[in-house]
Amino acid sequence: MSSYEPKLVCFSCKFGWGYLNHEEALAKQIKNWVPIICSGKVDSSHILTAFRQGADGVLILGCRGGDCHYQDGNYEARKRVYLLHKILESYGIEKERLKIELSIDPEGSKIPQLVKEMSDSIAKLGPVKKIGEPAKAVAVV
């Protein structure tokens, strides 16, 4: 059996995920964990850069509906993820490699579990293909 271990980047909102816990404690449990002030601040370029630099998946943890500290950052993030699914698919990258979870977890206890679940899911897909040029449509004549 292969010793493949997926590389996952996790962005999590500081206001909804783990704010009662110390960031250092969570950082020791989760590789490539990036606490942010709002899921809406995760730009498309951050996600694409993660894939270009070798991530096999990206998980974004945002506040649940109606609880966003920045009003609608979580909804903006969800729209961005939806659009990025289309872009990633044009590069031959499965949409399952990018996920957003809108909920709250003040203690941060669910973060390692969600990261593990996504890593297990990505492991079944195997390593991500490198982002290069988008797949070109073939015209049937």
Protein backbone atom coordinates (compact mmCIF):
# COMPACT_ATOMS: atom_id res chain seq x y z
CA MET A 1 0.00 0.00 0.00
CA SER A 2 1.16 3.52 -0.77
CA SER A 3 2.43 5.88 1.92
CA TYR A 4 0.69 8.81 0.23
CA GLU A 5 -0.40 11.45 2.73
CA PRO A 6 -2.45 14.28 1.22
CA LYS A 7 -1.34 17.87 1.80
CA LEU A 8 -4.31 19.89 3.01
CA VAL A 9 -4.49 23.62 3.72
CA CYS A 10 -7.15 24.70 6.22
CA PHE A 11 -8.29 28.31 6.52
CA SER A 12 -10.49 28.91 9.58
CA CYS A 13 -12.33 31.99 10.81
CA LYS A 14 -11.00 33.23 14.16
CA PHE A 15 -14.46 34.42 15.22
CA GLY A 16 -16.27 31.12 14.78
CA TRP A 17 -13.63 28.41 14.97
CA GLY A 18 -11.31 27.85 17.92
CA TYR A 19 -11.43 31.31 19.47
CA LEU A 20 -11.69 29.86 22.98
CA ASN A 21 -8.57 27.76 22.41
CA HIS A 22 -5.00 28.97 22.00
CA GLU A 23 -3.88 29.13 18.38
CA GLU A 24 -0.58 27.48 19.30
CA ALA A 25 -2.40 24.39 20.61
CA LEU A 26 -4.41 24.03 17.41
CA ALA A 27 -1.39 24.73 15.22
CA LYS A 28 0.40 21.76 16.84
CA GLN A 29 -2.48 19.47 15.89
CA ILE A 30 -3.09 20.68 12.34
CA LYS A 31 -0.50 20.99 9.58
CA ASN A 32 -0.97 23.92 7.21
CA TRP A 33 -3.63 25.58 9.36
CA VAL A 34 -4.20 29.26 8.61
CA PRO A 35 -6.38 31.19 11.07
CA ILE A 36 -8.02 34.18 9.37
CA ILE A 37 -10.30 36.98 10.53
CA CYS A 38 -13.15 35.98 8.18
CA SER A 39 -13.70 33.23 5.62
CA GLY A 40 -14.71 36.00 3.22
CA LYS A 41 -11.12 37.25 3.31
CA VAL A 42 -9.86 34.07 1.63
CA ASP A 43 -9.27 35.25 -1.91
CA SER A 44 -9.42 32.98 -4.95
CA SER A 45 -5.71 33.64 -5.47
CA HIS A 46 -4.94 32.19 -2.01
CA ILE A 47 -6.72 28.96 -2.90
CA LEU A 48 -5.16 28.65 -6.35
CA THR A 49 -1.73 29.42 -4.88
CA ALA A 50 -2.20 26.62 -2.34
CA PHE A 51 -2.88 24.17 -5.19
CA ARG A 52 0.06 25.52 -7.25
CA GLN A 53 2.37 25.04 -4.26
CA GLY A 54 1.43 21.39 -3.83
CA ALA A 55 -1.76 21.26 -1.77
CA ASP A 56 -3.99 18.31 -2.59
CA GLY A 57 -6.99 20.01 -0.99
CA VAL A 58 -8.22 23.19 0.66
CA LEU A 59 -10.72 23.38 3.52
CA ILE A 60 -12.34 26.68 4.51
CA LEU A 61 -14.12 26.94 7.85
CA GLY A 62 -16.48 29.89 8.15
CA CYS A 63 -19.23 31.04 10.48
CA ARG A 64 -22.72 29.64 10.07
CA GLY A 65 -25.41 31.68 8.37
CA GLY A 66 -26.37 34.81 10.27
CA ASP A 67 -23.35 34.63 12.58
CA CYS A 68 -20.65 36.24 10.43
CA HIS A 69 -18.79 38.95 12.34
CA TYR A 70 -18.33 40.76 9.02
CA GLN A 71 -22.02 40.46 8.01
CA ASP A 72 -21.84 38.29 4.89
CA GLY A 73 -18.23 37.19 4.53
CA ASN A 74 -19.23 33.55 4.92
CA TYR A 75 -21.78 33.81 2.08
CA GLU A 76 -19.21 35.53 -0.13
CA ALA A 77 -16.75 32.72 0.62
CA ARG A 78 -19.37 30.10 -0.25
CA LYS A 79 -20.06 31.84 -3.60
CA ARG A 80 -16.32 32.04 -4.28
CA VAL A 81 -15.92 28.30 -3.59
CA TYR A 82 -18.80 27.50 -5.93
CA LEU A 83 -17.15 29.49 -8.74
CA LEU A 84 -13.73 28.01 -8.00
CA HIS A 85 -15.18 24.50 -8.32
CA LYS A 86 -15.91 25.37 -11.97
CA ILE A 87 -12.43 26.79 -12.52
CA LEU A 88 -10.67 23.85 -10.89
CA GLU A 89 -12.68 21.40 -12.98
CA SER A 90 -11.46 23.20 -16.12
CA TYR A 91 -7.94 22.28 -14.98
CA GLY A 92 -8.96 18.66 -14.36
CA ILE A 93 -9.03 19.04 -10.56
CA GLU A 94 -11.93 17.40 -8.75
CA LYS A 95 -14.25 19.81 -6.92
CA GLU A 96 -14.08 17.57 -3.82
CA ARG A 97 -10.59 18.96 -3.24
CA LEU A 98 -12.07 22.33 -2.22
CA LYS A 99 -14.61 22.39 0.58
CA ILE A 100 -16.25 25.02 2.75
CA GLU A 101 -17.92 24.30 6.08
CA LEU A 102 -20.16 26.99 7.56
CA SER A 103 -20.68 26.29 11.26
CA ILE A 104 -19.18 27.33 14.59
CA ASP A 105 -16.79 25.56 16.94
CA PRO A 106 -15.57 27.97 19.64
CA GLU A 107 -13.31 25.36 21.26
CA GLY A 108 -11.80 24.27 17.95
CA SER A 109 -12.34 20.61 18.80
CA LYS A 110 -13.99 19.81 15.45
CA ILE A 111 -11.21 21.31 13.33
CA PRO A 112 -8.80 18.34 13.57
CA GLN A 113 -11.70 15.95 12.90
CA LEU A 114 -12.84 17.86 9.80
CA VAL A 115 -9.25 18.05 8.52
CA LYS A 116 -8.85 14.28 9.00
CA GLU A 117 -12.15 13.53 7.25
CA MET A 118 -11.19 15.67 4.28
CA SER A 119 -7.67 14.19 4.18
CA ASP A 120 -9.16 10.69 4.13
CA SER A 121 -11.48 11.69 1.30
CA ILE A 122 -8.64 13.25 -0.69
CA ALA A 123 -6.41 10.21 -0.10
CA LYS A 124 -8.93 8.17 -2.10
CA LEU A 125 -8.54 10.62 -5.01
CA GLY A 126 -4.74 10.47 -4.94
CA PRO A 127 -2.34 13.36 -5.54
CA VAL A 128 -3.69 16.43 -7.31
CA LYS A 129 -2.58 17.08 -10.84
CA LYS A 130 -0.44 20.19 -11.23
CA ILE A 131 -2.24 23.34 -12.28
CA GLY A 132 -1.15 24.28 -15.74
CA GLU A 133 -3.30 25.25 -18.66
CA PRO A 134 -7.04 24.61 -18.50
CA ALA A 135 -8.30 21.57 -20.39
CA LYS A 136 -9.22 22.57 -23.92
CA ALA A 137 -12.54 21.61 -25.38
CA VAL A 138 -12.23 19.36 -28.39
CA ALA A 139 -14.43 20.27 -31.30
CA VAL A 140 -16.20 17.37 -32.95
CA VAL A 141 -16.32 17.80 -36.70
